[in-house]
Amino acid sequence: MKRKLSTIFTAMLASVALSASIAVNAAPVFKVSKGDDVVYIGGTIHLLTEKDYPLQSEFDKAYAAADEIYFETDIGIMEEPSFQMKAVPYITYQDGRNLQTGLKEETFKRLDAYMQSKGLPTQQFLPLNPTGVMLTLTIMQYQAMGFTAQGVDDFYFKKATADSKTIGWFESPEEQLAIIGSFGNEDPDGLIDYTLEELARGPELINALHDSWRAGDMDKLVEVGMESFDEYDALYDSLIRNRNDAWMAEIEPMFGDEGTELILVGALHLPGPDGVLTQLEKKGYKVEKL
């Protein structure tokens, strides 16, 4: 229960996917231009294996060309113990309930059966709310499969800090906590059902997403990644659609200003009908894979 909370949060905000008009079989790093103005955008995964390093060369090319690096949030703050303590109320019950009393009986039974099948002590999970359960079980599954290395975001955040490049972000850590905390508010049982479905697909799904990202096969990423949101429109809106729309208002002014930016966000934010790259293409920007 005391796993590094910032890793749990960023892992769950990982993303995948892209529009069919963009070529496949290269790293998910893009040059977006309008006239002479250029912004680089890279799709990331927030947890990787040791074998993923060194990262694809396209990331380094975009990084070298940029003097400003933008992330989803302030990764440095999220790794501070004082901030991680702020996260506790978002993943635990605060009203006297626990996991058993906060869920329908049949939902809790399904969750308990999963716990027993994995040799996990359900009793230790009782203080967690459905969001806390989703995050904890998901990160445990990733780690069991060898995803223990820092992700793309963390790697380049540390590198940009060491290189004294300008660093920015689209959401404050507090805003990310609010997003995370909203997951199970409306339908806690539905969130547990979603989690159990994803865990059942776990190894196959995780490997497919990772391999597609590594190869830059964006069509496959769309196929695999978007399937996770079938019948969960509210979760898709919270994680993808609403955030993309908010980010677009900050990305467009980057064209025409001084300096060159590299944006590194979860790869699922880039494609699809609501993707950042898709929206930029519709607005007349030229999108090219590096």
C-alpha atoms as a PDB file:
ATOM      1  CA  MET A   1       0.000   0.000   0.000  1.00  0.00           C
ATOM      2  CA  LYS A   2       2.979   2.318   0.449  1.00  0.00           C
ATOM      3  CA  ARG A   3       4.231   2.103  -3.128  1.00  0.00           C
ATOM      4  CA  LYS A   4       5.459   5.325  -4.661  1.00  0.00           C
ATOM      5  CA  LEU A   5       2.210   7.194  -5.320  1.00  0.00           C
ATOM      6  CA  SER A   6       3.581   9.412  -8.075  1.00  0.00           C
ATOM      7  CA  THR A   7       4.562   6.316 -10.073  1.00  0.00           C
ATOM      8  CA  ILE A   8       1.095   4.844  -9.600  1.00  0.00           C
ATOM      9  CA  PHE A   9      -0.610   8.004 -10.813  1.00  0.00           C
ATOM     10  CA  THR A  10       1.559   8.594 -13.850  1.00  0.00           C
ATOM     11  CA  ALA A  11       1.356   4.926 -14.811  1.00  0.00           C
ATOM     12  CA  MET A  12      -2.428   5.097 -14.953  1.00  0.00           C
ATOM     13  CA  LEU A  13      -2.302   8.211 -17.084  1.00  0.00           C
ATOM     14  CA  ALA A  14      -0.269   6.497 -19.710  1.00  0.00           C
ATOM     15  CA  SER A  15      -1.693   6.548 -23.213  1.00  0.00           C
ATOM     16  CA  VAL A  16      -1.669   5.059 -26.688  1.00  0.00           C
ATOM     17  CA  ALA A  17      -3.034   5.614 -30.329  1.00  0.00           C
ATOM     18  CA  LEU A  18      -3.181   7.665 -33.690  1.00  0.00           C
ATOM     19  CA  SER A  19      -5.043   8.592 -36.871  1.00  0.00           C
ATOM     20  CA  ALA A  20      -4.678   6.318 -39.890  1.00  0.00           C
ATOM     21  CA  SER A  21      -3.307   9.164 -42.014  1.00  0.00           C
ATOM     22  CA  ILE A  22       0.016   9.066 -40.173  1.00  0.00           C
ATOM     23  CA  ALA A  23       2.597   6.445 -41.081  1.00  0.00           C
ATOM     24  CA  VAL A  24       3.520   3.550 -38.814  1.00  0.00           C
ATOM     25  CA  ASN A  25       6.744   1.746 -37.911  1.00  0.00           C
ATOM     26  CA  ALA A  26       8.702   4.589 -36.330  1.00  0.00           C
ATOM     27  CA  ALA A  27       8.915   6.000 -32.812  1.00  0.00           C
ATOM     28  CA  PRO A  28       5.838   7.982 -31.689  1.00  0.00           C
ATOM     29  CA  VAL A  29       7.585  11.340 -32.110  1.00  0.00           C
ATOM     30  CA  PHE A  30       6.169  13.982 -34.443  1.00  0.00           C
ATOM     31  CA  LYS A  31       7.206  17.268 -36.007  1.00  0.00           C
ATOM     32  CA  VAL A  32       4.222  19.607 -36.203  1.00  0.00           C
ATOM     33  CA  SER A  33       4.663  22.721 -38.300  1.00  0.00           C
ATOM     34  CA  LYS A  34       2.831  25.731 -39.642  1.00  0.00           C
ATOM     35  CA  GLY A  35       5.065  27.634 -42.030  1.00  0.00           C
ATOM     36  CA  ASP A  36       8.445  27.983 -40.341  1.00  0.00           C
ATOM     37  CA  ASP A  37       7.065  27.402 -36.843  1.00  0.00           C
ATOM     38  CA  VAL A  38       7.751  23.949 -35.371  1.00  0.00           C
ATOM     39  CA  VAL A  39       6.629  22.094 -32.242  1.00  0.00           C
ATOM     40  CA  TYR A  40       7.721  18.517 -31.536  1.00  0.00           C
ATOM     41  CA  ILE A  41       5.277  16.137 -29.835  1.00  0.00           C
ATOM     42  CA  GLY A  42       6.206  12.732 -28.425  1.00  0.00           C
ATOM     43  CA  GLY A  43       3.902   9.995 -27.177  1.00  0.00           C
ATOM     44  CA  THR A  44       5.145   8.426 -23.973  1.00  0.00           C
ATOM     45  CA  ILE A  45       4.675   5.451 -21.704  1.00  0.00           C
ATOM     46  CA  HIS A  46       5.107   6.253 -18.024  1.00  0.00           C
ATOM     47  CA  LEU A  47       6.578   2.909 -16.950  1.00  0.00           C
ATOM     48  CA  LEU A  48       9.124   0.927 -18.949  1.00  0.00           C
ATOM     49  CA  THR A  49      11.348  -2.131 -18.673  1.00  0.00           C
ATOM     50  CA  GLU A  50      15.116  -1.977 -18.378  1.00  0.00           C
ATOM     51  CA  LYS A  51      15.353  -3.370 -21.915  1.00  0.00           C
ATOM     52  CA  ASP A  52      13.646  -0.242 -23.289  1.00  0.00           C
ATOM     53  CA  TYR A  53      16.797   1.764 -22.700  1.00  0.00           C
ATOM     54  CA  PRO A  54      18.323   3.395 -24.608  1.00  0.00           C
ATOM     55  CA  LEU A  55      15.107   4.972 -25.862  1.00  0.00           C
ATOM     56  CA  GLN A  56      14.334   5.304 -29.566  1.00  0.00           C
ATOM     57  CA  SER A  57      16.669   7.830 -31.198  1.00  0.00           C
ATOM     58  CA  GLU A  58      13.778   9.991 -32.407  1.00  0.00           C
ATOM     59  CA  PHE A  59      13.140  11.140 -28.846  1.00  0.00           C
ATOM     60  CA  ASP A  60      16.716  12.384 -28.543  1.00  0.00           C
ATOM     61  CA  LYS A  61      16.513  14.146 -31.907  1.00  0.00           C
ATOM     62  CA  ALA A  62      13.411  16.064 -30.857  1.00  0.00           C
ATOM     63  CA  TYR A  63      14.902  16.803 -27.441  1.00  0.00           C
ATOM     64  CA  ALA A  64      18.108  18.160 -28.978  1.00  0.00           C
ATOM     65  CA  ALA A  65      16.126  20.458 -31.295  1.00  0.00           C
ATOM     66  CA  ALA A  66      14.032  21.913 -28.464  1.00  0.00           C
ATOM     67  CA  ASP A  67      14.885  24.441 -25.789  1.00  0.00           C
ATOM     68  CA  GLU A  68      11.551  24.156 -23.947  1.00  0.00           C
ATOM     69  CA  ILE A  69      10.197  20.812 -22.713  1.00  0.00           C
ATOM     70  CA  TYR A  70       6.540  20.392 -21.691  1.00  0.00           C
ATOM     71  CA  PHE A  71       5.039  17.528 -19.676  1.00  0.00           C
ATOM     72  CA  GLU A  72       1.585  16.609 -18.428  1.00  0.00           C
ATOM     73  CA  THR A  73       2.473  17.869 -14.953  1.00  0.00           C
ATOM     74  CA  ASP A  74       5.312  18.921 -12.651  1.00  0.00           C
ATOM     75  CA  ILE A  75       6.992  15.549 -12.174  1.00  0.00           C
ATOM     76  CA  GLY A  76       9.468  16.931  -9.646  1.00  0.00           C
ATOM     77  CA  ILE A  77       6.725  18.054  -7.255  1.00  0.00           C
ATOM     78  CA  MET A  78       4.836  14.781  -7.614  1.00  0.00           C
ATOM     79  CA  GLU A  79       7.886  12.862  -6.420  1.00  0.00           C
ATOM     80  CA  GLU A  80       8.176  14.856  -3.194  1.00  0.00           C
ATOM     81  CA  PRO A  81       6.982  12.977  -0.056  1.00  0.00           C
ATOM     82  CA  SER A  82       5.004  16.010   1.121  1.00  0.00           C
ATOM     83  CA  PHE A  83       2.964  16.015  -2.056  1.00  0.00           C
ATOM     84  CA  GLN A  84       2.425  12.269  -1.979  1.00  0.00           C
ATOM     85  CA  MET A  85       0.782  12.684   1.408  1.00  0.00           C
ATOM     86  CA  LYS A  86      -1.729  15.026  -0.224  1.00  0.00           C
ATOM     87  CA  ALA A  87      -2.710  12.165  -2.519  1.00  0.00           C
ATOM     88  CA  VAL A  88      -3.859   9.852   0.282  1.00  0.00           C
ATOM     89  CA  PRO A  89      -7.400  11.317   0.598  1.00  0.00           C
ATOM     90  CA  TYR A  90      -7.955  10.761  -3.123  1.00  0.00           C
ATOM     91  CA  ILE A  91      -7.358   7.003  -2.948  1.00  0.00           C
ATOM     92  CA  THR A  92      -8.823   6.143   0.478  1.00  0.00           C
ATOM     93  CA  TYR A  93     -12.268   6.454   2.057  1.00  0.00           C
ATOM     94  CA  GLN A  94     -12.687   9.569   4.184  1.00  0.00           C
ATOM     95  CA  ASP A  95     -16.282   9.142   5.381  1.00  0.00           C
ATOM     96  CA  GLY A  96     -16.146   6.094   7.634  1.00  0.00           C
ATOM     97  CA  ARG A  97     -16.857   3.570   4.894  1.00  0.00           C
ATOM     98  CA  ASN A  98     -14.425   0.972   3.632  1.00  0.00           C
ATOM     99  CA  LEU A  99     -14.139  -0.989   0.414  1.00  0.00           C
ATOM    100  CA  GLN A 100     -16.617  -3.633   1.532  1.00  0.00           C
ATOM    101  CA  THR A 101     -19.285  -1.214   2.714  1.00  0.00           C
ATOM    102  CA  GLY A 102     -18.721   1.181  -0.177  1.00  0.00           C
ATOM    103  CA  LEU A 103     -19.410  -1.370  -2.904  1.00  0.00           C
ATOM    104  CA  LYS A 104     -22.395  -3.499  -3.789  1.00  0.00           C
ATOM    105  CA  GLU A 105     -22.168  -6.962  -2.286  1.00  0.00           C
ATOM    106  CA  GLU A 106     -21.812  -8.722  -5.635  1.00  0.00           C
ATOM    107  CA  THR A 107     -19.085  -6.286  -6.743  1.00  0.00           C
ATOM    108  CA  PHE A 108     -17.098  -6.827  -3.576  1.00  0.00           C
ATOM    109  CA  LYS A 109     -17.425 -10.605  -3.956  1.00  0.00           C
ATOM    110  CA  ARG A 110     -15.985 -10.443  -7.472  1.00  0.00           C
ATOM    111  CA  LEU A 111     -13.113  -8.297  -6.266  1.00  0.00           C
ATOM    112  CA  ASP A 112     -12.477 -10.570  -3.277  1.00  0.00           C
ATOM    113  CA  ALA A 113     -12.403 -13.608  -5.572  1.00  0.00           C
ATOM    114  CA  TYR A 114      -9.770 -11.897  -7.732  1.00  0.00           C
ATOM    115  CA  MET A 115      -7.708 -11.063  -4.650  1.00  0.00           C
ATOM    116  CA  GLN A 116      -7.831 -14.649  -3.442  1.00  0.00           C
ATOM    117  CA  SER A 117      -6.818 -15.955  -6.867  1.00  0.00           C
ATOM    118  CA  LYS A 118      -3.690 -13.773  -6.678  1.00  0.00           C
ATOM    119  CA  GLY A 119      -2.916 -14.537  -3.045  1.00  0.00           C
ATOM    120  CA  LEU A 120      -3.572 -10.934  -2.025  1.00  0.00           C
ATOM    121  CA  PRO A 121      -4.958 -10.082   1.449  1.00  0.00           C
ATOM    122  CA  THR A 122      -8.276  -8.341   0.811  1.00  0.00           C
ATOM    123  CA  GLN A 123      -8.264  -7.019   4.375  1.00  0.00           C
ATOM    124  CA  GLN A 124      -5.286  -4.796   3.626  1.00  0.00           C
ATOM    125  CA  PHE A 125      -7.130  -3.193   0.708  1.00  0.00           C
ATOM    126  CA  LEU A 126     -10.235  -2.228   2.713  1.00  0.00           C
ATOM    127  CA  PRO A 127      -9.134   1.371   3.432  1.00  0.00           C
ATOM    128  CA  LEU A 128      -8.707   2.034  -0.300  1.00  0.00           C
ATOM    129  CA  ASN A 129     -11.545   3.442  -2.380  1.00  0.00           C
ATOM    130  CA  PRO A 130     -12.183   2.064  -5.911  1.00  0.00           C
ATOM    131  CA  THR A 131      -9.707   4.536  -7.406  1.00  0.00           C
ATOM    132  CA  GLY A 132      -7.034   3.375  -4.976  1.00  0.00           C
ATOM    133  CA  VAL A 133      -7.791  -0.256  -5.790  1.00  0.00           C
ATOM    134  CA  MET A 134      -7.600   0.377  -9.537  1.00  0.00           C
ATOM    135  CA  LEU A 135      -4.265   2.173  -9.284  1.00  0.00           C
ATOM    136  CA  THR A 136      -2.673  -0.264  -6.853  1.00  0.00           C
ATOM    137  CA  LEU A 137      -3.684  -3.466  -8.639  1.00  0.00           C
ATOM    138  CA  THR A 138      -2.714  -2.058 -12.011  1.00  0.00           C
ATOM    139  CA  ILE A 139       0.738  -0.973 -10.909  1.00  0.00           C
ATOM    140  CA  MET A 140       1.284  -4.342  -9.223  1.00  0.00           C
ATOM    141  CA  GLN A 141       0.479  -6.093 -12.487  1.00  0.00           C
ATOM    142  CA  TYR A 142       2.871  -3.865 -14.446  1.00  0.00           C
ATOM    143  CA  GLN A 143       5.652  -4.417 -11.932  1.00  0.00           C
ATOM    144  CA  ALA A 144       5.102  -8.183 -11.933  1.00  0.00           C
ATOM    145  CA  MET A 145       5.745  -8.067 -15.689  1.00  0.00           C
ATOM    146  CA  GLY A 146       9.031  -6.228 -15.313  1.00  0.00           C
ATOM    147  CA  PHE A 147       7.864  -2.647 -15.808  1.00  0.00           C
ATOM    148  CA  THR A 148      10.025  -1.181 -13.082  1.00  0.00           C
ATOM    149  CA  ALA A 149      12.191   1.350 -14.982  1.00  0.00           C
ATOM    150  CA  GLN A 150      11.485   5.066 -15.164  1.00  0.00           C
ATOM    151  CA  GLY A 151       9.277   6.125 -18.042  1.00  0.00           C
ATOM    152  CA  VAL A 152       9.997   8.502 -20.902  1.00  0.00           C
ATOM    153  CA  ASP A 153       8.573  11.494 -19.036  1.00  0.00           C
ATOM    154  CA  ASP A 154      10.664  10.989 -15.917  1.00  0.00           C
ATOM    155  CA  PHE A 155      13.818  10.357 -17.958  1.00  0.00           C
ATOM    156  CA  TYR A 156      13.528  13.592 -19.929  1.00  0.00           C
ATOM    157  CA  PHE A 157      12.339  15.623 -16.943  1.00  0.00           C
ATOM    158  CA  LYS A 158      15.572  14.763 -15.143  1.00  0.00           C
ATOM    159  CA  LYS A 159      17.630  15.313 -18.303  1.00  0.00           C
ATOM    160  CA  ALA A 160      16.042  18.708 -19.011  1.00  0.00           C
ATOM    161  CA  THR A 161      16.623  19.751 -15.411  1.00  0.00           C
ATOM    162  CA  ALA A 162      20.302  18.777 -15.626  1.00  0.00           C
ATOM    163  CA  ASP A 163      20.643  20.541 -18.998  1.00  0.00           C
ATOM    164  CA  SER A 164      18.944  23.714 -17.665  1.00  0.00           C
ATOM    165  CA  LYS A 165      16.286  23.642 -20.379  1.00  0.00           C
ATOM    166  CA  THR A 166      13.038  25.497 -19.765  1.00  0.00           C
ATOM    167  CA  ILE A 167      10.448  23.111 -18.309  1.00  0.00           C
ATOM    168  CA  GLY A 168       6.678  23.560 -18.374  1.00  0.00           C
ATOM    169  CA  TRP A 169       3.521  21.506 -17.886  1.00  0.00           C
ATOM    170  CA  PHE A 170      -0.167  21.552 -18.765  1.00  0.00           C
ATOM    171  CA  GLU A 171      -1.711  20.530 -15.437  1.00  0.00           C
ATOM    172  CA  SER A 172      -0.709  21.246 -11.872  1.00  0.00           C
ATOM    173  CA  PRO A 173      -0.176  18.189  -9.650  1.00  0.00           C
ATOM    174  CA  GLU A 174      -3.302  19.243  -7.749  1.00  0.00           C
ATOM    175  CA  GLU A 175      -5.298  19.175 -10.979  1.00  0.00           C
ATOM    176  CA  GLN A 176      -4.048  15.671 -11.702  1.00  0.00           C
ATOM    177  CA  LEU A 177      -5.125  14.565  -8.239  1.00  0.00           C
ATOM    178  CA  ALA A 178      -8.589  15.971  -8.885  1.00  0.00           C
ATOM    179  CA  ILE A 179      -8.804  14.013 -12.145  1.00  0.00           C
ATOM    180  CA  ILE A 180      -7.711  10.829 -10.431  1.00  0.00           C
ATOM    181  CA  GLY A 181     -10.061  11.392  -7.518  1.00  0.00           C
ATOM    182  CA  SER A 182     -13.049  11.793  -9.825  1.00  0.00           C
ATOM    183  CA  PHE A 183     -12.772   8.323 -11.377  1.00  0.00           C
ATOM    184  CA  GLY A 184     -15.039   6.447  -8.984  1.00  0.00           C
ATOM    185  CA  ASN A 185     -17.313   9.230  -7.796  1.00  0.00           C
ATOM    186  CA  GLU A 186     -20.289   8.525 -10.038  1.00  0.00           C
ATOM    187  CA  ASP A 187     -20.049   4.751 -10.413  1.00  0.00           C
ATOM    188  CA  PRO A 188     -17.673   3.063  -7.951  1.00  0.00           C
ATOM    189  CA  ASP A 189     -18.945  -0.413  -8.838  1.00  0.00           C
ATOM    190  CA  GLY A 190     -18.464   0.317 -12.523  1.00  0.00           C
ATOM    191  CA  LEU A 191     -14.863   1.346 -11.876  1.00  0.00           C
ATOM    192  CA  ILE A 192     -14.170  -1.943 -10.095  1.00  0.00           C
ATOM    193  CA  ASP A 193     -15.808  -3.858 -12.977  1.00  0.00           C
ATOM    194  CA  TYR A 194     -13.613  -1.941 -15.443  1.00  0.00           C
ATOM    195  CA  THR A 195     -10.516  -2.708 -13.370  1.00  0.00           C
ATOM    196  CA  LEU A 196     -11.237  -6.427 -13.165  1.00  0.00           C
ATOM    197  CA  GLU A 197     -11.849  -6.585 -16.920  1.00  0.00           C
ATOM    198  CA  GLU A 198      -8.531  -4.856 -17.622  1.00  0.00           C
ATOM    199  CA  LEU A 199      -6.651  -7.060 -15.166  1.00  0.00           C
ATOM    200  CA  ALA A 200      -8.078 -10.153 -16.842  1.00  0.00           C
ATOM    201  CA  ARG A 201      -6.664  -8.917 -20.146  1.00  0.00           C
ATOM    202  CA  GLY A 202      -3.515  -7.769 -18.342  1.00  0.00           C
ATOM    203  CA  PRO A 203      -0.461  -9.533 -19.794  1.00  0.00           C
ATOM    204  CA  GLU A 204      -1.820  -9.685 -23.330  1.00  0.00           C
ATOM    205  CA  LEU A 205      -2.992  -6.056 -23.226  1.00  0.00           C
ATOM    206  CA  ILE A 206       0.146  -4.654 -21.607  1.00  0.00           C
ATOM    207  CA  ASN A 207       2.462  -6.466 -24.018  1.00  0.00           C
ATOM    208  CA  ALA A 208       0.416  -5.353 -27.027  1.00  0.00           C
ATOM    209  CA  LEU A 209       0.459  -1.718 -25.923  1.00  0.00           C
ATOM    210  CA  HIS A 210       4.147  -1.762 -25.067  1.00  0.00           C
ATOM    211  CA  ASP A 211       5.248  -3.519 -28.254  1.00  0.00           C
ATOM    212  CA  SER A 212       3.124  -1.247 -30.441  1.00  0.00           C
ATOM    213  CA  TRP A 213       4.506   1.850 -28.724  1.00  0.00           C
ATOM    214  CA  ARG A 214       8.067   0.581 -29.042  1.00  0.00           C
ATOM    215  CA  ALA A 215       7.617  -0.046 -32.774  1.00  0.00           C
ATOM    216  CA  GLY A 216       5.675   3.159 -33.322  1.00  0.00           C
ATOM    217  CA  ASP A 217       2.760   1.152 -34.718  1.00  0.00           C
ATOM    218  CA  MET A 218       0.098   3.745 -34.005  1.00  0.00           C
ATOM    219  CA  ASP A 219      -2.695   1.894 -35.813  1.00  0.00           C
ATOM    220  CA  LYS A 220      -2.220  -1.041 -33.453  1.00  0.00           C
ATOM    221  CA  LEU A 221      -2.065   1.286 -30.463  1.00  0.00           C
ATOM    222  CA  VAL A 222      -5.424   2.754 -31.427  1.00  0.00           C
ATOM    223  CA  GLU A 223      -6.922  -0.681 -31.932  1.00  0.00           C
ATOM    224  CA  VAL A 224      -5.712  -2.000 -28.581  1.00  0.00           C
ATOM    225  CA  GLY A 225      -5.848   1.136 -26.466  1.00  0.00           C
ATOM    226  CA  MET A 226      -9.249   2.529 -27.376  1.00  0.00           C
ATOM    227  CA  GLU A 227     -10.868  -0.853 -26.781  1.00  0.00           C
ATOM    228  CA  SER A 228     -10.239  -0.337 -23.065  1.00  0.00           C
ATOM    229  CA  PHE A 229     -12.756   2.515 -23.031  1.00  0.00           C
ATOM    230  CA  ASP A 230     -15.623   0.606 -24.647  1.00  0.00           C
ATOM    231  CA  GLU A 231     -18.739   1.203 -22.516  1.00  0.00           C
ATOM    232  CA  TYR A 232     -16.798   3.562 -20.233  1.00  0.00           C
ATOM    233  CA  ASP A 233     -17.454   6.935 -21.855  1.00  0.00           C
ATOM    234  CA  ALA A 234     -17.148   8.937 -18.636  1.00  0.00           C
ATOM    235  CA  LEU A 235     -13.681   7.542 -17.950  1.00  0.00           C
ATOM    236  CA  TYR A 236     -12.611   8.306 -21.522  1.00  0.00           C
ATOM    237  CA  ASP A 237     -13.859  11.878 -21.184  1.00  0.00           C
ATOM    238  CA  SER A 238     -12.003  12.390 -17.883  1.00  0.00           C
ATOM    239  CA  LEU A 239      -8.735  10.820 -18.995  1.00  0.00           C
ATOM    240  CA  ILE A 240      -8.557  11.795 -22.663  1.00  0.00           C
ATOM    241  CA  ARG A 241     -11.110  14.071 -24.314  1.00  0.00           C
ATOM    242  CA  ASN A 242     -11.440  16.868 -21.737  1.00  0.00           C
ATOM    243  CA  ARG A 243      -7.714  17.089 -21.097  1.00  0.00           C
ATOM    244  CA  ASN A 244      -6.825  17.152 -24.792  1.00  0.00           C
ATOM    245  CA  ASP A 245      -9.212  20.046 -25.371  1.00  0.00           C
ATOM    246  CA  ALA A 246      -7.681  21.996 -22.487  1.00  0.00           C
ATOM    247  CA  TRP A 247      -4.132  21.328 -23.706  1.00  0.00           C
ATOM    248  CA  MET A 248      -4.926  22.522 -27.218  1.00  0.00           C
ATOM    249  CA  ALA A 249      -5.546  26.019 -25.863  1.00  0.00           C
ATOM    250  CA  GLU A 250      -1.936  26.050 -24.622  1.00  0.00           C
ATOM    251  CA  ILE A 251      -0.315  24.260 -27.569  1.00  0.00           C
ATOM    252  CA  GLU A 252      -1.505  26.510 -30.377  1.00  0.00           C
ATOM    253  CA  PRO A 253       0.112  29.678 -28.972  1.00  0.00           C
ATOM    254  CA  MET A 254       3.471  27.849 -29.063  1.00  0.00           C
ATOM    255  CA  PHE A 255       3.469  28.297 -32.832  1.00  0.00           C
ATOM    256  CA  GLY A 256       4.866  31.716 -33.594  1.00  0.00           C
ATOM    257  CA  ASP A 257       6.511  32.355 -30.228  1.00  0.00           C
ATOM    258  CA  GLU A 258      10.233  32.335 -29.559  1.00  0.00           C
ATOM    259  CA  GLY A 259      11.990  29.034 -29.014  1.00  0.00           C
ATOM    260  CA  THR A 260      11.197  25.464 -30.007  1.00  0.00           C
ATOM    261  CA  GLU A 261       9.055  23.225 -27.806  1.00  0.00           C
ATOM    262  CA  LEU A 262       8.992  19.475 -27.246  1.00  0.00           C
ATOM    263  CA  ILE A 263       5.762  18.168 -25.725  1.00  0.00           C
ATOM    264  CA  LEU A 264       5.890  14.768 -24.008  1.00  0.00           C
ATOM    265  CA  VAL A 265       2.520  13.318 -23.003  1.00  0.00           C
ATOM    266  CA  GLY A 266       0.942   9.879 -22.816  1.00  0.00           C
ATOM    267  CA  ALA A 267       0.653   8.480 -26.333  1.00  0.00           C
ATOM    268  CA  LEU A 268      -3.113   7.926 -26.201  1.00  0.00           C
ATOM    269  CA  HIS A 269      -3.549  11.697 -26.117  1.00  0.00           C
ATOM    270  CA  LEU A 270      -2.138  12.056 -29.630  1.00  0.00           C
ATOM    271  CA  PRO A 271      -4.480  10.169 -32.022  1.00  0.00           C
ATOM    272  CA  GLY A 272      -8.080   9.217 -32.439  1.00  0.00           C
ATOM    273  CA  PRO A 273     -10.991  11.591 -33.108  1.00  0.00           C
ATOM    274  CA  ASP A 274     -10.170  13.704 -30.044  1.00  0.00           C
ATOM    275  CA  GLY A 275      -6.378  13.372 -30.239  1.00  0.00           C
ATOM    276  CA  VAL A 276      -4.074  16.370 -30.071  1.00  0.00           C
ATOM    277  CA  LEU A 277      -2.428  15.509 -33.406  1.00  0.00           C
ATOM    278  CA  THR A 278      -5.795  14.919 -35.032  1.00  0.00           C
ATOM    279  CA  GLN A 279      -7.050  18.303 -33.850  1.00  0.00           C
ATOM    280  CA  LEU A 280      -3.899  20.036 -35.068  1.00  0.00           C
ATOM    281  CA  GLU A 281      -4.214  18.395 -38.509  1.00  0.00           C
ATOM    282  CA  LYS A 282      -7.821  19.565 -38.762  1.00  0.00           C
ATOM    283  CA  LYS A 283      -6.667  23.104 -38.029  1.00  0.00           C
ATOM    284  CA  GLY A 284      -4.213  23.018 -40.918  1.00  0.00           C
ATOM    285  CA  TYR A 285      -0.980  22.104 -39.171  1.00  0.00           C
ATOM    286  CA  LYS A 286       1.384  19.698 -40.918  1.00  0.00           C
ATOM    287  CA  VAL A 287       2.115  16.544 -38.887  1.00  0.00           C
ATOM    288  CA  GLU A 288       5.133  14.400 -39.789  1.00  0.00           C
ATOM    289  CA  LYS A 289       6.679  11.437 -38.038  1.00  0.00           C
ATOM    290  CA  LEU A 290      10.393  11.758 -37.302  1.00  0.00           C
END
